[in-house]
């Protein structure tokens, strides 16, 4: 049998993540949900949107972004720094 030798690996450098500022998005309901499926109405209610032109500021988490993506055709979304 042949012996193979490998070089010892250098330990991986840890990448320190900078303390990222939490991102927020401003969500505005710009179109009516009349005629849309009930699940989309529930998503708007879950975001806190009740009437036309109502606005909420939410953190840009994956859960919120998924909800926004589901009803993006009736929303206006803007990125903001702070609530």
PDB file of N, CA and C in Angstrom:
ATOM      1  N   UNK A   1       0.818  -1.176   0.000  1.00  0.00           N
ATOM      2  CA  UNK A   1       0.000   0.000   0.000  1.00  0.00           C
ATOM      3  C   UNK A   1       0.865   1.243   0.000  1.00  0.00           C
ATOM      4  N   UNK A   2       0.309   2.245  -0.577  1.00  0.00           N
ATOM      5  CA  UNK A   2       1.026   3.498  -0.628  1.00  0.00           C
ATOM      6  C   UNK A   2       0.504   4.446   0.452  1.00  0.00           C
ATOM      7  N   UNK A   3       1.441   5.077   1.058  1.00  0.00           N
ATOM      8  CA  UNK A   3       1.032   6.029   2.078  1.00  0.00           C
ATOM      9  C   UNK A   3       0.913   7.408   1.461  1.00  0.00           C
ATOM     10  N   UNK A   4      -0.160   8.039   1.776  1.00  0.00           N
ATOM     11  CA  UNK A   4      -0.316   9.412   1.292  1.00  0.00           C
ATOM     12  C   UNK A   4      -0.281  10.344   2.489  1.00  0.00           C
ATOM     13  N   UNK A   5       0.388  11.390   2.305  1.00  0.00           N
ATOM     14  CA  UNK A   5       0.440  12.364   3.391  1.00  0.00           C
ATOM     15  C   UNK A   5      -0.268  13.632   2.927  1.00  0.00           C
ATOM     16  N   UNK A   6      -0.956  14.211   3.830  1.00  0.00           N
ATOM     17  CA  UNK A   6      -1.641  15.461   3.493  1.00  0.00           C
ATOM     18  C   UNK A   6      -1.113  16.562   4.399  1.00  0.00           C
ATOM     19  N   UNK A   7      -1.135  17.723   3.882  1.00  0.00           N
ATOM     20  CA  UNK A   7      -0.704  18.860   4.674  1.00  0.00           C
ATOM     21  C   UNK A   7      -1.772  19.176   5.709  1.00  0.00           C
ATOM     22  N   UNK A   8      -1.360  19.503   6.883  1.00  0.00           N
ATOM     23  CA  UNK A   8      -2.378  19.901   7.863  1.00  0.00           C
ATOM     24  C   UNK A   8      -3.007  21.233   7.435  1.00  0.00           C
ATOM     25  N   UNK A   9      -4.305  21.270   7.573  1.00  0.00           N
ATOM     26  CA  UNK A   9      -5.012  22.481   7.162  1.00  0.00           C
ATOM     27  C   UNK A   9      -4.841  23.581   8.186  1.00  0.00           C
ATOM     28  N   UNK A  10      -4.781  24.768   7.662  1.00  0.00           N
ATOM     29  CA  UNK A  10      -4.753  25.933   8.545  1.00  0.00           C
ATOM     30  C   UNK A  10      -6.173  26.136   9.073  1.00  0.00           C
ATOM     31  N   UNK A  11      -6.300  26.497  10.304  1.00  0.00           N
ATOM     32  CA  UNK A  11      -7.650  26.704  10.832  1.00  0.00           C
ATOM     33  C   UNK A  11      -8.345  27.848  10.094  1.00  0.00           C
ATOM     34  N   UNK A  12      -9.657  27.702   9.931  1.00  0.00           N
ATOM     35  CA  UNK A  12     -10.420  28.723   9.217  1.00  0.00           C
ATOM     36  C   UNK A  12     -10.475  29.997  10.041  1.00  0.00           C
ATOM     37  N   UNK A  13     -10.371  31.073   9.335  1.00  0.00           N
ATOM     38  CA  UNK A  13     -10.476  32.359  10.011  1.00  0.00           C
ATOM     39  C   UNK A  13     -11.954  32.644  10.256  1.00  0.00           C
ATOM     40  N   UNK A  14     -12.243  33.061  11.447  1.00  0.00           N
ATOM     41  CA  UNK A  14     -13.628  33.403  11.754  1.00  0.00           C
ATOM     42  C   UNK A  14     -13.934  34.784  11.205  1.00  0.00           C
ATOM     43  N   UNK A  15     -15.012  34.827  10.504  1.00  0.00           N
ATOM     44  CA  UNK A  15     -15.446  36.108   9.974  1.00  0.00           C
ATOM     45  C   UNK A  15     -16.402  36.701  10.992  1.00  0.00           C
ATOM     46  N   UNK A  16     -15.993  37.798  11.544  1.00  0.00           N
ATOM     47  CA  UNK A  16     -16.845  38.430  12.535  1.00  0.00           C
ATOM     48  C   UNK A  16     -17.842  39.323  11.824  1.00  0.00           C
ATOM     49  N   UNK A  17     -19.095  39.065  12.104  1.00  0.00           N
ATOM     50  CA  UNK A  17     -20.137  39.872  11.489  1.00  0.00           C
ATOM     51  C   UNK A  17     -20.271  41.168  12.272  1.00  0.00           C
ATOM     52  N   UNK A  18     -20.322  42.229  11.530  1.00  0.00           N
ATOM     53  CA  UNK A  18     -20.514  43.526  12.184  1.00  0.00           C
ATOM     54  C   UNK A  18     -21.926  43.562  12.741  1.00  0.00           C
ATOM     55  N   UNK A  19     -22.099  44.253  13.816  1.00  0.00           N
ATOM     56  CA  UNK A  19     -23.430  44.362  14.411  1.00  0.00           C
ATOM     57  C   UNK A  19     -24.313  45.110  13.427  1.00  0.00           C
ATOM     58  N   UNK A  20     -25.033  44.343  12.639  1.00  0.00           N
ATOM     59  CA  UNK A  20     -25.858  44.933  11.594  1.00  0.00           C
ATOM     60  C   UNK A  20     -27.061  45.628  12.212  1.00  0.00           C
ATOM     61  N   UNK A  21     -27.337  46.786  11.699  1.00  0.00           N
ATOM     62  CA  UNK A  21     -28.521  47.504  12.145  1.00  0.00           C
ATOM     63  C   UNK A  21     -29.739  46.736  11.649  1.00  0.00           C
ATOM     64  N   UNK A  22     -30.748  46.604  12.471  1.00  0.00           N
ATOM     65  CA  UNK A  22     -31.949  45.920  11.993  1.00  0.00           C
ATOM     66  C   UNK A  22     -32.593  46.732  10.880  1.00  0.00           C
ATOM     67  N   UNK A  23     -32.967  46.037   9.832  1.00  0.00           N
ATOM     68  CA  UNK A  23     -33.593  46.700   8.697  1.00  0.00           C
ATOM     69  C   UNK A  23     -35.098  46.709   8.889  1.00  0.00           C
ATOM     70  N   UNK A  24     -35.725  47.738   8.423  1.00  0.00           N
ATOM     71  CA  UNK A  24     -37.168  47.855   8.515  1.00  0.00           C
ATOM     72  C   UNK A  24     -37.727  48.185   7.148  1.00  0.00           C
ATOM     73  N   UNK A  25     -38.992  47.836   6.942  1.00  0.00           N
ATOM     74  CA  UNK A  25     -39.683  48.187   5.712  1.00  0.00           C
ATOM     75  C   UNK A  25     -40.997  48.857   6.066  1.00  0.00           C
ATOM     76  N   UNK A  26     -41.365  49.857   5.258  1.00  0.00           N
ATOM     77  CA  UNK A  26     -42.639  50.541   5.412  1.00  0.00           C
ATOM     78  C   UNK A  26     -43.578  49.937   4.366  1.00  0.00           C
ATOM     79  N   UNK A  27     -44.701  49.403   4.809  1.00  0.00           N
ATOM     80  CA  UNK A  27     -45.639  48.708   3.933  1.00  0.00           C
ATOM     81  C   UNK A  27     -46.930  49.509   3.882  1.00  0.00           C
ATOM     82  N   UNK A  28     -47.416  49.788   2.662  1.00  0.00           N
ATOM     83  CA  UNK A  28     -48.647  50.538   2.477  1.00  0.00           C
ATOM     84  C   UNK A  28     -49.599  49.712   1.619  1.00  0.00           C
ATOM     85  N   UNK A  29     -50.853  49.621   2.021  1.00  0.00           N
ATOM     86  CA  UNK A  29     -51.879  48.927   1.243  1.00  0.00           C
ATOM     87  C   UNK A  29     -52.433  49.912   0.227  1.00  0.00           C
ATOM     88  N   UNK A  30     -52.186  49.698  -1.062  1.00  0.00           N
ATOM     89  CA  UNK A  30     -52.578  50.661  -2.092  1.00  0.00           C
ATOM     90  C   UNK A  30     -53.725  50.166  -2.974  1.00  0.00           C
ATOM     91  N   UNK A  31     -54.049  48.881  -2.913  1.00  0.00           N
ATOM     92  CA  UNK A  31     -55.176  48.372  -3.696  1.00  0.00           C
ATOM     93  C   UNK A  31     -56.086  47.577  -2.778  1.00  0.00           C
ATOM     94  N   UNK A  32     -57.342  47.522  -3.142  1.00  0.00           N
ATOM     95  CA  UNK A  32     -58.334  46.840  -2.328  1.00  0.00           C
ATOM     96  C   UNK A  32     -58.154  45.326  -2.415  1.00  0.00           C
ATOM     97  N   UNK A  33     -58.536  44.655  -1.341  1.00  0.00           N
ATOM     98  CA  UNK A  33     -58.469  43.194  -1.320  1.00  0.00           C
ATOM     99  C   UNK A  33     -59.812  42.560  -1.658  1.00  0.00           C
ATOM    100  N   UNK A  34     -60.797  43.374  -2.056  1.00  0.00           N
ATOM    101  CA  UNK A  34     -62.091  42.841  -2.475  1.00  0.00           C
ATOM    102  C   UNK A  34     -61.871  42.013  -3.743  1.00  0.00           C
ATOM    103  N   UNK A  35     -62.356  40.801  -3.749  1.00  0.00           N
ATOM    104  CA  UNK A  35     -62.196  39.926  -4.900  1.00  0.00           C
ATOM    105  C   UNK A  35     -60.952  39.065  -4.843  1.00  0.00           C
ATOM    106  N   UNK A  36     -60.130  39.244  -3.842  1.00  0.00           N
ATOM    107  CA  UNK A  36     -58.937  38.413  -3.677  1.00  0.00           C
ATOM    108  C   UNK A  36     -59.257  37.275  -2.712  1.00  0.00           C
ATOM    109  N   UNK A  37     -58.505  36.194  -2.775  1.00  0.00           N
ATOM    110  CA  UNK A  37     -58.759  35.047  -1.888  1.00  0.00           C
ATOM    111  C   UNK A  37     -58.669  35.430  -0.408  1.00  0.00           C
ATOM    112  N   UNK A  38     -59.387  34.713   0.402  1.00  0.00           N
ATOM    113  CA  UNK A  38     -59.410  34.968   1.830  1.00  0.00           C
ATOM    114  C   UNK A  38     -58.052  34.851   2.473  1.00  0.00           C
ATOM    115  N   UNK A  39     -57.208  33.965   1.959  1.00  0.00           N
ATOM    116  CA  UNK A  39     -55.871  33.820   2.545  1.00  0.00           C
ATOM    117  C   UNK A  39     -55.062  35.094   2.366  1.00  0.00           C
ATOM    118  N   UNK A  40     -55.247  35.795   1.250  1.00  0.00           N
ATOM    119  CA  UNK A  40     -54.524  37.047   1.041  1.00  0.00           C
ATOM    120  C   UNK A  40     -55.044  38.137   1.962  1.00  0.00           C
ATOM    121  N   UNK A  41     -56.351  38.130   2.235  1.00  0.00           N
ATOM    122  CA  UNK A  41     -56.909  39.090   3.185  1.00  0.00           C
ATOM    123  C   UNK A  41     -56.341  38.849   4.576  1.00  0.00           C
ATOM    124  N   UNK A  42     -56.190  37.579   4.938  1.00  0.00           N
ATOM    125  CA  UNK A  42     -55.636  37.247   6.244  1.00  0.00           C
ATOM    126  C   UNK A  42     -54.170  37.658   6.362  1.00  0.00           C
ATOM    127  N   UNK A  43     -53.438  37.566   5.270  1.00  0.00           N
ATOM    128  CA  UNK A  43     -52.035  37.991   5.278  1.00  0.00           C
ATOM    129  C   UNK A  43     -51.964  39.497   5.507  1.00  0.00           C
ATOM    130  N   UNK A  44     -52.833  40.257   4.843  1.00  0.00           N
ATOM    131  CA  UNK A  44     -52.849  41.713   5.041  1.00  0.00           C
ATOM    132  C   UNK A  44     -53.210  42.033   6.482  1.00  0.00           C
ATOM    133  N   UNK A  45     -54.151  41.324   7.049  1.00  0.00           N
ATOM    134  CA  UNK A  45     -54.534  41.551   8.439  1.00  0.00           C
ATOM    135  C   UNK A  45     -53.380  41.191   9.363  1.00  0.00           C
ATOM    136  N   UNK A  46     -52.657  40.125   9.041  1.00  0.00           N
ATOM    137  CA  UNK A  46     -51.509  39.719   9.843  1.00  0.00           C
ATOM    138  C   UNK A  46     -50.386  40.737   9.816  1.00  0.00           C
ATOM    139  N   UNK A  47     -50.262  41.460   8.709  1.00  0.00           N
ATOM    140  CA  UNK A  47     -49.266  42.523   8.620  1.00  0.00           C
ATOM    141  C   UNK A  47     -49.717  43.769   9.374  1.00  0.00           C
ATOM    142  N   UNK A  48     -51.002  43.839   9.701  1.00  0.00           N
ATOM    143  CA  UNK A  48     -51.524  44.999  10.409  1.00  0.00           C
ATOM    144  C   UNK A  48     -52.186  46.011   9.500  1.00  0.00           C
ATOM    145  N   UNK A  49     -52.455  45.618   8.259  1.00  0.00           N
ATOM    146  CA  UNK A  49     -53.083  46.520   7.291  1.00  0.00           C
ATOM    147  C   UNK A  49     -54.585  46.288   7.300  1.00  0.00           C
ATOM    148  N   UNK A  50     -55.366  47.353   7.530  1.00  0.00           N
ATOM    149  CA  UNK A  50     -56.811  47.201   7.617  1.00  0.00           C
ATOM    150  C   UNK A  50     -57.541  47.944   6.518  1.00  0.00           C
ATOM    151  N   UNK A  51     -57.194  49.185   6.284  1.00  0.00           N
ATOM    152  CA  UNK A  51     -57.885  49.999   5.293  1.00  0.00           C
ATOM    153  C   UNK A  51     -56.920  50.403   4.187  1.00  0.00           C
ATOM    154  N   UNK A  52     -57.455  50.903   3.089  1.00  0.00           N
ATOM    155  CA  UNK A  52     -56.609  51.422   2.024  1.00  0.00           C
ATOM    156  C   UNK A  52     -55.760  52.565   2.546  1.00  0.00           C
ATOM    157  N   UNK A  53     -54.570  52.663   2.053  1.00  0.00           N
ATOM    158  CA  UNK A  53     -53.582  53.676   2.421  1.00  0.00           C
ATOM    159  C   UNK A  53     -53.101  53.558   3.860  1.00  0.00           C
ATOM    160  N   UNK A  54     -53.409  52.458   4.546  1.00  0.00           N
ATOM    161  CA  UNK A  54     -52.863  52.285   5.893  1.00  0.00           C
ATOM    162  C   UNK A  54     -51.412  51.845   5.764  1.00  0.00           C
ATOM    163  N   UNK A  55     -50.585  52.317   6.712  1.00  0.00           N
ATOM    164  CA  UNK A  55     -49.152  52.033   6.670  1.00  0.00           C
ATOM    165  C   UNK A  55     -48.713  51.391   7.964  1.00  0.00           C
ATOM    166  N   UNK A  56     -47.753  50.487   7.838  1.00  0.00           N
ATOM    167  CA  UNK A  56     -47.120  49.893   9.002  1.00  0.00           C
ATOM    168  C   UNK A  56     -45.625  49.815   8.730  1.00  0.00           C
ATOM    169  N   UNK A  57     -44.847  49.809   9.796  1.00  0.00           N
ATOM    170  CA  UNK A  57     -43.399  49.614   9.691  1.00  0.00           C
ATOM    171  C   UNK A  57     -43.094  48.303  10.393  1.00  0.00           C
ATOM    172  N   UNK A  58     -42.461  47.388   9.685  1.00  0.00           N
ATOM    173  CA  UNK A  58     -42.156  46.068  10.214  1.00  0.00           C
ATOM    174  C   UNK A  58     -40.684  45.760   9.974  1.00  0.00           C
ATOM    175  N   UNK A  59     -40.085  44.910  10.818  1.00  0.00           N
ATOM    176  CA  UNK A  59     -38.702  44.490  10.559  1.00  0.00           C
ATOM    177  C   UNK A  59     -38.652  43.602   9.315  1.00  0.00           C
ATOM    178  N   UNK A  60     -37.572  43.658   8.593  1.00  0.00           N
ATOM    179  CA  UNK A  60     -37.437  42.884   7.353  1.00  0.00           C
ATOM    180  C   UNK A  60     -36.954  41.473   7.668  1.00  0.00           C
ATOM    181  N   UNK A  61     -37.791  40.692   8.338  1.00  0.00           N
ATOM    182  CA  UNK A  61     -37.456  39.310   8.649  1.00  0.00           C
ATOM    183  C   UNK A  61     -37.937  38.411   7.513  1.00  0.00           C
ATOM    184  N   UNK A  62     -37.455  37.188   7.418  1.00  0.00           N
ATOM    185  CA  UNK A  62     -37.913  36.288   6.358  1.00  0.00           C
ATOM    186  C   UNK A  62     -39.424  36.035   6.419  1.00  0.00           C
ATOM    187  N   UNK A  63     -39.981  36.011   7.620  1.00  0.00           N
ATOM    188  CA  UNK A  63     -41.417  35.765   7.755  1.00  0.00           C
ATOM    189  C   UNK A  63     -42.221  36.924   7.163  1.00  0.00           C
ATOM    190  N   UNK A  64     -41.824  38.132   7.501  1.00  0.00           N
ATOM    191  CA  UNK A  64     -42.527  39.316   6.997  1.00  0.00           C
ATOM    192  C   UNK A  64     -42.329  39.433   5.490  1.00  0.00           C
ATOM    193  N   UNK A  65     -41.125  39.166   5.015  1.00  0.00           N
ATOM    194  CA  UNK A  65     -40.862  39.268   3.574  1.00  0.00           C
ATOM    195  C   UNK A  65     -41.677  38.247   2.788  1.00  0.00           C
ATOM    196  N   UNK A  66     -41.899  37.064   3.359  1.00  0.00           N
ATOM    197  CA  UNK A  66     -42.750  36.069   2.705  1.00  0.00           C
ATOM    198  C   UNK A  66     -44.188  36.542   2.615  1.00  0.00           C
ATOM    199  N   UNK A  67     -44.665  37.191   3.671  1.00  0.00           N
ATOM    200  CA  UNK A  67     -46.026  37.720   3.660  1.00  0.00           C
ATOM    201  C   UNK A  67     -46.154  38.836   2.622  1.00  0.00           C
ATOM    202  N   UNK A  68     -45.148  39.690   2.548  1.00  0.00           N
ATOM    203  CA  UNK A  68     -45.157  40.777   1.570  1.00  0.00           C
ATOM    204  C   UNK A  68     -45.142  40.206   0.157  1.00  0.00           C
ATOM    205  N   UNK A  69     -44.348  39.172  -0.047  1.00  0.00           N
ATOM    206  CA  UNK A  69     -44.247  38.562  -1.372  1.00  0.00           C
ATOM    207  C   UNK A  69     -45.589  37.970  -1.816  1.00  0.00           C
ATOM    208  N   UNK A  70     -46.355  37.459  -0.875  1.00  0.00           N
ATOM    209  CA  UNK A  70     -47.622  36.820  -1.205  1.00  0.00           C
ATOM    210  C   UNK A  70     -48.648  37.825  -1.721  1.00  0.00           C
ATOM    211  N   UNK A  71     -48.631  39.049  -1.189  1.00  0.00           N
ATOM    212  CA  UNK A  71     -49.614  40.031  -1.628  1.00  0.00           C
ATOM    213  C   UNK A  71     -48.940  41.277  -2.198  1.00  0.00           C
ATOM    214  N   UNK A  72     -47.822  41.112  -2.852  1.00  0.00           N
ATOM    215  CA  UNK A  72     -47.050  42.240  -3.374  1.00  0.00           C
ATOM    216  C   UNK A  72     -47.824  43.043  -4.426  1.00  0.00           C
ATOM    217  N   UNK A  73     -48.816  42.433  -5.048  1.00  0.00           N
ATOM    218  CA  UNK A  73     -49.570  43.117  -6.101  1.00  0.00           C
ATOM    219  C   UNK A  73     -50.518  44.178  -5.544  1.00  0.00           C
ATOM    220  N   UNK A  74     -50.725  44.239  -4.235  1.00  0.00           N
ATOM    221  CA  UNK A  74     -51.603  45.242  -3.640  1.00  0.00           C
ATOM    222  C   UNK A  74     -50.849  46.147  -2.665  1.00  0.00           C
ATOM    223  N   UNK A  75     -49.528  45.999  -2.578  1.00  0.00           N
ATOM    224  CA  UNK A  75     -48.740  46.731  -1.607  1.00  0.00           C
ATOM    225  C   UNK A  75     -47.749  47.665  -2.275  1.00  0.00           C
ATOM    226  N   UNK A  76     -47.324  48.671  -1.504  1.00  0.00           N
ATOM    227  CA  UNK A  76     -46.178  49.494  -1.862  1.00  0.00           C
ATOM    228  C   UNK A  76     -45.203  49.319  -0.713  1.00  0.00           C
ATOM    229  N   UNK A  77     -43.955  48.953  -1.014  1.00  0.00           N
ATOM    230  CA  UNK A  77     -42.973  48.644   0.011  1.00  0.00           C
ATOM    231  C   UNK A  77     -41.775  49.561  -0.146  1.00  0.00           C
ATOM    232  N   UNK A  78     -41.363  50.180   0.976  1.00  0.00           N
ATOM    233  CA  UNK A  78     -40.197  51.054   0.983  1.00  0.00           C
ATOM    234  C   UNK A  78     -39.269  50.623   2.104  1.00  0.00           C
ATOM    235  N   UNK A  79     -37.985  50.691   1.856  1.00  0.00           N
ATOM    236  CA  UNK A  79     -37.001  50.376   2.897  1.00  0.00           C
ATOM    237  C   UNK A  79     -36.789  51.622   3.762  1.00  0.00           C
ATOM    238  N   UNK A  80     -36.684  51.404   5.080  1.00  0.00           N
ATOM    239  CA  UNK A  80     -36.424  52.510   5.987  1.00  0.00           C
ATOM    240  C   UNK A  80     -35.317  52.101   6.941  1.00  0.00           C
ATOM    241  N   UNK A  81     -34.702  53.082   7.570  1.00  0.00           N
ATOM    242  CA  UNK A  81     -33.620  52.809   8.503  1.00  0.00           C
ATOM    243  C   UNK A  81     -34.142  52.470   9.881  1.00  0.00           C
ATOM    244  N   UNK A  82     -35.031  53.304  10.394  1.00  0.00           N
ATOM    245  CA  UNK A  82     -35.566  53.111  11.732  1.00  0.00           C
ATOM    246  C   UNK A  82     -37.076  53.243  11.693  1.00  0.00           C
ATOM    247  N   UNK A  83     -37.765  52.626  12.649  1.00  0.00           N
ATOM    248  CA  UNK A  83     -39.225  52.763  12.654  1.00  0.00           C
ATOM    249  C   UNK A  83     -39.606  54.120  13.073  1.00  0.00           C
TER     250      UNK A  83
END
